[in-house]
Amino acid sequence: MKVLFCSSECVPFAASGGLGDVTGSLPKALVKEGLDVRVILPLYQKTKDKYIDDLKFITSFYVPFGWRNQYCGLFTLEKDGVTYYFIDNEYYFNGFNIYSDDMKWDIEKFCYFSKAALSILPSIGFQPDIVHCHDWQAGLVPVYFKTLFADNPFY
């Protein structure tokens, strides 16, 4: 079975609390049970700084988002049997904090993240059986899946 985790946090890459702890431990436990588990995260500046030598560039493209196209770089790293994918976009993820003090900004940032998370799947050739969306930050993934991506045969 193939499982995709979409989360704004994941230990050890970027975490502010329990969400990062769960996203950091559950995929490893599922891999031990024989599942193919992948995790998609934003590539925050602090993650880049700490793991720059371990990250492997896959591709880049533009995601239609609102009235513009936003850059989406894609990096990967394998750790403890789990494949992690990182969405690079310095416009949204260039700060050292996961969340900002401006809720409107975070809403836009994670709307982009949700769309980019689905947009990368053809690039990695991964068609999950289950998509596990963690908290409100990935809440639009199922909505986008059923609307914006519904007519694409890959999905």
N, C-alpha and C. Protein backbone atom coordinates (compact mmCIF):
# COMPACT_ATOMS: atom_id res chain seq x y z
N MET A 1 0.84 -1.17 0.00
CA MET A 1 0.00 0.00 0.00
C MET A 1 0.89 1.24 0.00
N LYS A 2 0.48 2.25 -0.75
CA LYS A 2 1.22 3.51 -0.86
C LYS A 2 0.48 4.60 -0.09
N VAL A 3 1.22 5.27 0.81
CA VAL A 3 0.63 6.30 1.65
C VAL A 3 1.43 7.60 1.48
N LEU A 4 0.71 8.68 1.26
CA LEU A 4 1.32 10.00 1.15
C LEU A 4 0.91 10.85 2.34
N PHE A 5 1.88 11.41 3.03
CA PHE A 5 1.63 12.34 4.12
C PHE A 5 1.91 13.75 3.61
N CYS A 6 0.99 14.66 3.84
CA CYS A 6 1.18 16.09 3.53
C CYS A 6 1.13 16.82 4.85
N SER A 7 2.21 17.52 5.17
CA SER A 7 2.27 18.19 6.47
C SER A 7 3.15 19.42 6.41
N SER A 8 2.85 20.39 7.23
CA SER A 8 3.67 21.59 7.34
C SER A 8 4.86 21.38 8.27
N GLU A 9 4.83 20.29 9.04
CA GLU A 9 5.88 20.01 10.02
C GLU A 9 6.24 18.54 10.01
N CYS A 10 7.50 18.25 10.37
CA CYS A 10 7.94 16.87 10.51
C CYS A 10 9.29 16.84 11.20
N VAL A 11 9.37 16.18 12.34
CA VAL A 11 10.64 15.98 13.02
C VAL A 11 11.48 15.04 12.15
N PRO A 12 12.72 15.30 11.87
CA PRO A 12 13.61 16.29 12.44
C PRO A 12 13.78 17.55 11.59
N PHE A 13 13.00 17.71 10.54
CA PHE A 13 13.24 18.78 9.58
C PHE A 13 12.72 20.14 10.02
N ALA A 14 11.51 20.19 10.51
CA ALA A 14 10.91 21.43 10.99
C ALA A 14 9.70 21.07 11.83
N ALA A 15 9.69 21.54 13.06
CA ALA A 15 8.57 21.20 13.95
C ALA A 15 8.39 22.28 15.00
N SER A 16 7.13 22.45 15.39
CA SER A 16 6.84 23.40 16.47
C SER A 16 6.07 22.73 17.60
N GLY A 17 5.72 21.45 17.43
CA GLY A 17 4.96 20.78 18.47
C GLY A 17 4.54 19.38 18.07
N GLY A 18 3.36 18.99 18.55
CA GLY A 18 2.87 17.63 18.37
C GLY A 18 2.66 17.21 16.93
N LEU A 19 2.25 18.12 16.07
CA LEU A 19 2.06 17.79 14.66
C LEU A 19 3.36 17.29 14.05
N GLY A 20 4.45 17.97 14.32
CA GLY A 20 5.76 17.55 13.82
C GLY A 20 6.20 16.21 14.39
N ASP A 21 5.86 15.97 15.65
CA ASP A 21 6.20 14.69 16.28
C ASP A 21 5.47 13.53 15.62
N VAL A 22 4.18 13.70 15.37
CA VAL A 22 3.37 12.64 14.75
C VAL A 22 3.85 12.37 13.33
N THR A 23 4.03 13.44 12.56
CA THR A 23 4.46 13.27 11.17
C THR A 23 5.87 12.72 11.10
N GLY A 24 6.66 12.91 12.13
CA GLY A 24 8.00 12.36 12.17
C GLY A 24 8.04 10.89 12.56
N SER A 25 7.10 10.43 13.38
CA SER A 25 7.15 9.04 13.87
C SER A 25 6.23 8.08 13.12
N LEU A 26 5.04 8.50 12.75
CA LEU A 26 4.08 7.59 12.11
C LEU A 26 4.58 7.02 10.78
N PRO A 27 5.15 7.82 9.88
CA PRO A 27 5.65 7.24 8.63
C PRO A 27 6.70 6.15 8.85
N LYS A 28 7.60 6.35 9.82
CA LYS A 28 8.63 5.33 10.10
C LYS A 28 7.99 4.03 10.59
N ALA A 29 6.95 4.14 11.41
CA ALA A 29 6.27 2.95 11.92
C ALA A 29 5.56 2.21 10.77
N LEU A 30 4.96 2.95 9.85
CA LEU A 30 4.26 2.32 8.72
C LEU A 30 5.24 1.65 7.75
N VAL A 31 6.41 2.24 7.58
CA VAL A 31 7.44 1.62 6.73
C VAL A 31 7.86 0.27 7.32
N LYS A 32 7.97 0.20 8.63
CA LYS A 32 8.33 -1.06 9.30
C LYS A 32 7.27 -2.14 9.07
N GLU A 33 6.03 -1.72 8.80
CA GLU A 33 4.95 -2.66 8.51
C GLU A 33 4.88 -3.02 7.02
N GLY A 34 5.82 -2.48 6.23
CA GLY A 34 5.90 -2.85 4.82
C GLY A 34 5.21 -1.90 3.85
N LEU A 35 4.74 -0.76 4.30
CA LEU A 35 4.07 0.19 3.43
C LEU A 35 5.09 1.10 2.75
N ASP A 36 4.73 1.59 1.56
CA ASP A 36 5.53 2.59 0.85
C ASP A 36 5.00 3.95 1.28
N VAL A 37 5.77 4.65 2.11
CA VAL A 37 5.32 5.91 2.69
C VAL A 37 6.20 7.04 2.19
N ARG A 38 5.55 8.11 1.74
CA ARG A 38 6.25 9.32 1.32
C ARG A 38 5.66 10.50 2.09
N VAL A 39 6.49 11.48 2.37
CA VAL A 39 6.08 12.66 3.11
C VAL A 39 6.43 13.90 2.29
N ILE A 40 5.46 14.81 2.12
CA ILE A 40 5.69 16.07 1.43
C ILE A 40 5.64 17.20 2.45
N LEU A 41 6.69 18.04 2.41
CA LEU A 41 6.82 19.15 3.34
C LEU A 41 7.28 20.41 2.60
N PRO A 42 7.02 21.56 3.18
CA PRO A 42 7.66 22.77 2.65
C PRO A 42 9.16 22.72 2.95
N LEU A 43 9.95 23.33 2.09
CA LEU A 43 11.39 23.44 2.34
C LEU A 43 11.66 24.80 2.97
N TYR A 44 11.64 24.80 4.30
CA TYR A 44 11.90 26.02 5.05
C TYR A 44 13.39 26.32 5.05
N GLN A 45 13.73 27.57 5.29
CA GLN A 45 15.13 27.99 5.28
C GLN A 45 15.96 27.20 6.29
N LYS A 46 15.41 26.95 7.49
CA LYS A 46 16.20 26.22 8.49
C LYS A 46 16.44 24.77 8.08
N THR A 47 15.52 24.19 7.31
CA THR A 47 15.73 22.84 6.80
C THR A 47 16.83 22.86 5.74
N LYS A 48 16.78 23.85 4.85
CA LYS A 48 17.83 23.99 3.83
C LYS A 48 19.20 24.11 4.49
N ASP A 49 19.29 24.97 5.49
CA ASP A 49 20.57 25.21 6.14
C ASP A 49 21.13 23.94 6.78
N LYS A 50 20.28 23.16 7.39
CA LYS A 50 20.74 21.96 8.13
C LYS A 50 20.99 20.76 7.21
N TYR A 51 20.19 20.60 6.15
CA TYR A 51 20.25 19.39 5.33
C TYR A 51 20.71 19.64 3.90
N ILE A 52 21.32 20.79 3.62
CA ILE A 52 21.66 21.16 2.25
C ILE A 52 22.51 20.10 1.55
N ASP A 53 23.41 19.45 2.25
CA ASP A 53 24.26 18.44 1.63
C ASP A 53 23.55 17.13 1.37
N ASP A 54 22.41 16.90 2.03
CA ASP A 54 21.67 15.64 1.88
C ASP A 54 20.53 15.75 0.87
N LEU A 55 20.07 16.96 0.59
CA LEU A 55 18.94 17.15 -0.31
C LEU A 55 19.37 16.94 -1.76
N LYS A 56 18.53 16.23 -2.49
CA LYS A 56 18.79 15.99 -3.92
C LYS A 56 17.70 16.70 -4.72
N PHE A 57 18.14 17.51 -5.66
CA PHE A 57 17.21 18.22 -6.53
C PHE A 57 16.59 17.25 -7.52
N ILE A 58 15.26 17.32 -7.70
CA ILE A 58 14.55 16.48 -8.67
C ILE A 58 14.16 17.29 -9.90
N THR A 59 13.41 18.37 -9.69
CA THR A 59 12.94 19.16 -10.82
C THR A 59 12.40 20.49 -10.31
N SER A 60 12.02 21.33 -11.25
CA SER A 60 11.30 22.56 -10.90
C SER A 60 10.29 22.85 -12.00
N PHE A 61 9.24 23.52 -11.63
CA PHE A 61 8.18 23.90 -12.57
C PHE A 61 7.38 25.02 -11.93
N TYR A 62 6.37 25.49 -12.63
CA TYR A 62 5.53 26.55 -12.09
C TYR A 62 4.12 26.03 -11.83
N VAL A 63 3.55 26.44 -10.71
CA VAL A 63 2.21 26.05 -10.30
C VAL A 63 1.30 27.25 -10.51
N PRO A 64 0.24 27.09 -11.35
CA PRO A 64 -0.73 28.18 -11.47
C PRO A 64 -1.40 28.40 -10.11
N PHE A 65 -1.30 29.63 -9.63
CA PHE A 65 -1.84 29.90 -8.30
C PHE A 65 -2.40 31.32 -8.29
N GLY A 66 -3.71 31.40 -8.21
CA GLY A 66 -4.36 32.70 -8.26
C GLY A 66 -4.15 33.34 -9.63
N TRP A 67 -3.69 34.56 -9.63
CA TRP A 67 -3.50 35.31 -10.87
C TRP A 67 -2.09 35.18 -11.42
N ARG A 68 -1.24 34.31 -10.80
CA ARG A 68 0.16 34.20 -11.23
C ARG A 68 0.60 32.74 -11.21
N ASN A 69 1.78 32.52 -11.70
CA ASN A 69 2.42 31.21 -11.61
C ASN A 69 3.51 31.30 -10.56
N GLN A 70 3.51 30.34 -9.63
CA GLN A 70 4.50 30.33 -8.56
C GLN A 70 5.52 29.21 -8.79
N TYR A 71 6.78 29.53 -8.59
CA TYR A 71 7.86 28.57 -8.70
C TYR A 71 7.65 27.42 -7.71
N CYS A 72 7.99 26.22 -8.14
CA CYS A 72 7.97 25.04 -7.27
C CYS A 72 9.22 24.22 -7.57
N GLY A 73 10.16 24.28 -6.65
CA GLY A 73 11.33 23.40 -6.74
C GLY A 73 11.04 22.15 -5.94
N LEU A 74 11.61 21.04 -6.38
CA LEU A 74 11.34 19.78 -5.70
C LEU A 74 12.65 19.10 -5.34
N PHE A 75 12.80 18.83 -4.04
CA PHE A 75 13.99 18.15 -3.53
C PHE A 75 13.54 16.89 -2.79
N THR A 76 14.45 15.96 -2.62
CA THR A 76 14.12 14.73 -1.89
C THR A 76 15.27 14.34 -0.96
N LEU A 77 14.93 13.51 0.00
CA LEU A 77 15.89 12.98 0.95
C LEU A 77 15.28 11.70 1.52
N GLU A 78 16.07 10.65 1.63
CA GLU A 78 15.57 9.43 2.26
C GLU A 78 16.21 9.30 3.64
N LYS A 79 15.37 8.98 4.62
CA LYS A 79 15.84 8.87 6.00
C LYS A 79 14.99 7.83 6.72
N ASP A 80 15.64 6.87 7.36
CA ASP A 80 14.95 5.83 8.13
C ASP A 80 13.92 5.08 7.29
N GLY A 81 14.20 4.88 6.01
CA GLY A 81 13.30 4.13 5.14
C GLY A 81 12.15 4.92 4.57
N VAL A 82 12.05 6.20 4.93
CA VAL A 82 10.96 7.07 4.45
C VAL A 82 11.53 8.03 3.41
N THR A 83 10.80 8.20 2.32
CA THR A 83 11.19 9.19 1.31
C THR A 83 10.47 10.49 1.60
N TYR A 84 11.24 11.55 1.75
CA TYR A 84 10.70 12.87 2.01
C TYR A 84 10.87 13.73 0.77
N TYR A 85 9.85 14.51 0.45
CA TYR A 85 9.91 15.47 -0.64
C TYR A 85 9.71 16.85 -0.04
N PHE A 86 10.48 17.79 -0.55
CA PHE A 86 10.44 19.16 -0.04
C PHE A 86 10.08 20.10 -1.18
N ILE A 87 9.07 20.91 -0.94
CA ILE A 87 8.63 21.91 -1.91
C ILE A 87 9.37 23.20 -1.62
N ASP A 88 10.15 23.62 -2.59
CA ASP A 88 10.95 24.83 -2.45
C ASP A 88 10.24 26.00 -3.12
N ASN A 89 10.02 27.04 -2.36
CA ASN A 89 9.48 28.29 -2.88
C ASN A 89 9.88 29.37 -1.89
N GLU A 90 10.88 30.16 -2.24
CA GLU A 90 11.39 31.15 -1.28
C GLU A 90 10.40 32.27 -0.99
N TYR A 91 9.47 32.49 -1.89
CA TYR A 91 8.45 33.51 -1.63
C TYR A 91 7.63 33.14 -0.39
N TYR A 92 7.29 31.85 -0.26
CA TYR A 92 6.47 31.41 0.85
C TYR A 92 7.26 30.82 2.03
N PHE A 93 8.37 30.17 1.75
CA PHE A 93 9.04 29.39 2.80
C PHE A 93 10.44 29.90 3.15
N ASN A 94 10.72 31.18 2.92
CA ASN A 94 12.07 31.68 3.13
C ASN A 94 12.38 32.06 4.58
N GLY A 95 11.41 32.12 5.43
CA GLY A 95 11.66 32.51 6.82
C GLY A 95 12.17 31.36 7.66
N PHE A 96 12.60 31.68 8.85
CA PHE A 96 13.11 30.65 9.75
C PHE A 96 12.00 30.05 10.61
N ASN A 97 10.84 30.68 10.62
CA ASN A 97 9.71 30.16 11.39
C ASN A 97 8.72 29.46 10.45
N ILE A 98 8.10 28.42 10.94
CA ILE A 98 7.11 27.69 10.16
C ILE A 98 5.87 28.55 9.96
N TYR A 99 5.44 29.21 11.02
CA TYR A 99 4.23 30.01 10.97
C TYR A 99 4.59 31.47 11.21
N SER A 100 3.76 32.35 10.69
CA SER A 100 4.00 33.78 10.89
C SER A 100 2.97 34.33 11.88
N ASP A 101 3.08 35.59 12.17
CA ASP A 101 2.09 36.26 13.02
C ASP A 101 0.89 36.72 12.21
N ASP A 102 0.97 36.59 10.91
CA ASP A 102 -0.08 37.05 10.00
C ASP A 102 -0.85 35.84 9.46
N MET A 103 -2.02 35.57 10.02
CA MET A 103 -2.81 34.41 9.62
C MET A 103 -3.16 34.45 8.13
N LYS A 104 -3.42 35.64 7.59
CA LYS A 104 -3.74 35.74 6.16
C LYS A 104 -2.58 35.22 5.32
N TRP A 105 -1.37 35.56 5.72
CA TRP A 105 -0.19 35.09 4.99
C TRP A 105 -0.07 33.57 5.08
N ASP A 106 -0.25 33.03 6.27
CA ASP A 106 -0.16 31.57 6.43
C ASP A 106 -1.23 30.85 5.62
N ILE A 107 -2.42 31.42 5.53
CA ILE A 107 -3.47 30.79 4.73
C ILE A 107 -3.05 30.72 3.27
N GLU A 108 -2.54 31.82 2.73
CA GLU A 108 -2.08 31.80 1.34
C GLU A 108 -0.93 30.82 1.14
N LYS A 109 0.02 30.86 2.06
CA LYS A 109 1.19 29.99 1.98
C LYS A 109 0.79 28.52 1.94
N PHE A 110 -0.14 28.12 2.79
CA PHE A 110 -0.50 26.70 2.84
C PHE A 110 -1.54 26.31 1.79
N CYS A 111 -2.26 27.27 1.24
CA CYS A 111 -3.06 26.99 0.04
C CYS A 111 -2.13 26.63 -1.11
N TYR A 112 -1.06 27.42 -1.25
CA TYR A 112 -0.04 27.10 -2.27
C TYR A 112 0.56 25.72 -2.01
N PHE A 113 0.94 25.46 -0.77
CA PHE A 113 1.54 24.17 -0.42
C PHE A 113 0.63 23.01 -0.80
N SER A 114 -0.66 23.13 -0.51
CA SER A 114 -1.61 22.05 -0.83
C SER A 114 -1.67 21.79 -2.33
N LYS A 115 -1.69 22.84 -3.12
CA LYS A 115 -1.74 22.67 -4.58
C LYS A 115 -0.42 22.13 -5.11
N ALA A 116 0.68 22.64 -4.61
CA ALA A 116 2.00 22.16 -5.05
C ALA A 116 2.21 20.70 -4.67
N ALA A 117 1.71 20.29 -3.50
CA ALA A 117 1.87 18.90 -3.07
C ALA A 117 1.25 17.93 -4.07
N LEU A 118 0.08 18.27 -4.58
CA LEU A 118 -0.54 17.42 -5.60
C LEU A 118 0.15 17.57 -6.95
N SER A 119 0.63 18.76 -7.24
CA SER A 119 1.27 19.01 -8.53
C SER A 119 2.56 18.25 -8.73
N ILE A 120 3.25 17.90 -7.64
CA ILE A 120 4.53 17.20 -7.79
C ILE A 120 4.37 15.70 -8.07
N LEU A 121 3.20 15.15 -7.81
CA LEU A 121 3.04 13.69 -7.92
C LEU A 121 3.40 13.12 -9.29
N PRO A 122 2.99 13.72 -10.41
CA PRO A 122 3.44 13.17 -11.70
C PRO A 122 4.96 13.21 -11.87
N SER A 123 5.61 14.22 -11.30
CA SER A 123 7.07 14.34 -11.41
C SER A 123 7.80 13.21 -10.70
N ILE A 124 7.20 12.68 -9.66
CA ILE A 124 7.84 11.59 -8.92
C ILE A 124 7.21 10.24 -9.25
N GLY A 125 6.16 10.25 -10.07
CA GLY A 125 5.51 9.00 -10.47
C GLY A 125 4.87 8.25 -9.32
N PHE A 126 4.37 8.97 -8.35
CA PHE A 126 3.79 8.34 -7.16
C PHE A 126 2.29 8.54 -7.16
N GLN A 127 1.55 7.44 -7.15
CA GLN A 127 0.09 7.46 -7.09
C GLN A 127 -0.35 6.76 -5.80
N PRO A 128 -0.56 7.55 -4.74
CA PRO A 128 -0.86 6.95 -3.44
C PRO A 128 -2.26 6.35 -3.36
N ASP A 129 -2.37 5.33 -2.53
CA ASP A 129 -3.68 4.74 -2.22
C ASP A 129 -4.39 5.58 -1.16
N ILE A 130 -3.60 6.16 -0.27
CA ILE A 130 -4.12 6.98 0.82
C ILE A 130 -3.31 8.27 0.88
N VAL A 131 -4.02 9.39 1.01
CA VAL A 131 -3.36 10.68 1.25
C VAL A 131 -3.75 11.14 2.65
N HIS A 132 -2.78 11.25 3.50
CA HIS A 132 -2.99 11.62 4.89
C HIS A 132 -2.66 13.10 5.03
N CYS A 133 -3.67 13.93 5.25
CA CYS A 133 -3.50 15.38 5.34
C CYS A 133 -3.45 15.79 6.80
N HIS A 134 -2.37 16.42 7.19
CA HIS A 134 -2.17 16.77 8.59
C HIS A 134 -2.56 18.21 8.87
N ASP A 135 -3.60 18.37 9.63
CA ASP A 135 -4.06 19.66 10.15
C ASP A 135 -4.53 20.58 9.03
N TRP A 136 -4.90 21.79 9.38
CA TRP A 136 -5.51 22.72 8.43
C TRP A 136 -4.54 23.10 7.31
N GLN A 137 -3.23 23.03 7.57
CA GLN A 137 -2.25 23.45 6.59
C GLN A 137 -2.31 22.61 5.31
N ALA A 138 -2.78 21.39 5.40
CA ALA A 138 -2.93 20.52 4.24
C ALA A 138 -4.41 20.27 3.92
N GLY A 139 -5.28 21.06 4.51
CA GLY A 139 -6.72 20.85 4.40
C GLY A 139 -7.28 20.99 2.99
N LEU A 140 -6.60 21.73 2.13
CA LEU A 140 -7.12 21.88 0.76
C LEU A 140 -6.70 20.76 -0.18
N VAL A 141 -5.82 19.89 0.26
CA VAL A 141 -5.39 18.78 -0.61
C VAL A 141 -6.58 17.97 -1.11
N PRO A 142 -7.50 17.50 -0.26
CA PRO A 142 -8.64 16.74 -0.77
C PRO A 142 -9.58 17.58 -1.63
N VAL A 143 -9.71 18.85 -1.31
CA VAL A 143 -10.57 19.73 -2.10
C VAL A 143 -9.98 19.91 -3.49
N TYR A 144 -8.69 20.22 -3.57
CA TYR A 144 -8.04 20.36 -4.87
C TYR A 144 -8.08 19.05 -5.66
N PHE A 145 -7.88 17.94 -4.95
CA PHE A 145 -7.89 16.63 -5.60
C PHE A 145 -9.23 16.38 -6.31
N LYS A 146 -10.32 16.73 -5.65
CA LYS A 146 -11.67 16.49 -6.20
C LYS A 146 -12.12 17.56 -7.18
N THR A 147 -11.43 18.69 -7.24
CA THR A 147 -11.86 19.78 -8.13
C THR A 147 -10.81 20.04 -9.20
N LEU A 148 -9.73 20.68 -8.85
CA LEU A 148 -8.73 21.11 -9.82
C LEU A 148 -8.01 19.96 -10.53
N PHE A 149 -7.86 18.83 -9.85
CA PHE A 149 -7.12 17.71 -10.42
C PHE A 149 -8.02 16.56 -10.87
N ALA A 150 -9.32 16.72 -10.75
CA ALA A 150 -10.27 15.62 -11.00
C ALA A 150 -10.25 15.13 -12.45
N ASP A 151 -9.99 16.00 -13.41
CA ASP A 151 -10.03 15.60 -14.82
C ASP A 151 -8.70 15.09 -15.34
N ASN A 152 -7.66 15.13 -14.52
CA ASN A 152 -6.34 14.66 -14.93
C ASN A 152 -6.28 13.15 -14.73
N PRO A 153 -6.02 12.38 -15.79
CA PRO A 153 -6.01 10.91 -15.66
C PRO A 153 -4.94 10.36 -14.71
N PHE A 154 -3.88 11.12 -14.45
CA PHE A 154 -2.87 10.65 -13.51
C PHE A 154 -3.46 10.44 -12.13
N TYR A 155 -4.38 11.31 -11.73
CA TYR A 155 -4.93 11.27 -10.39
C TYR A 155 -6.13 10.35 -10.30
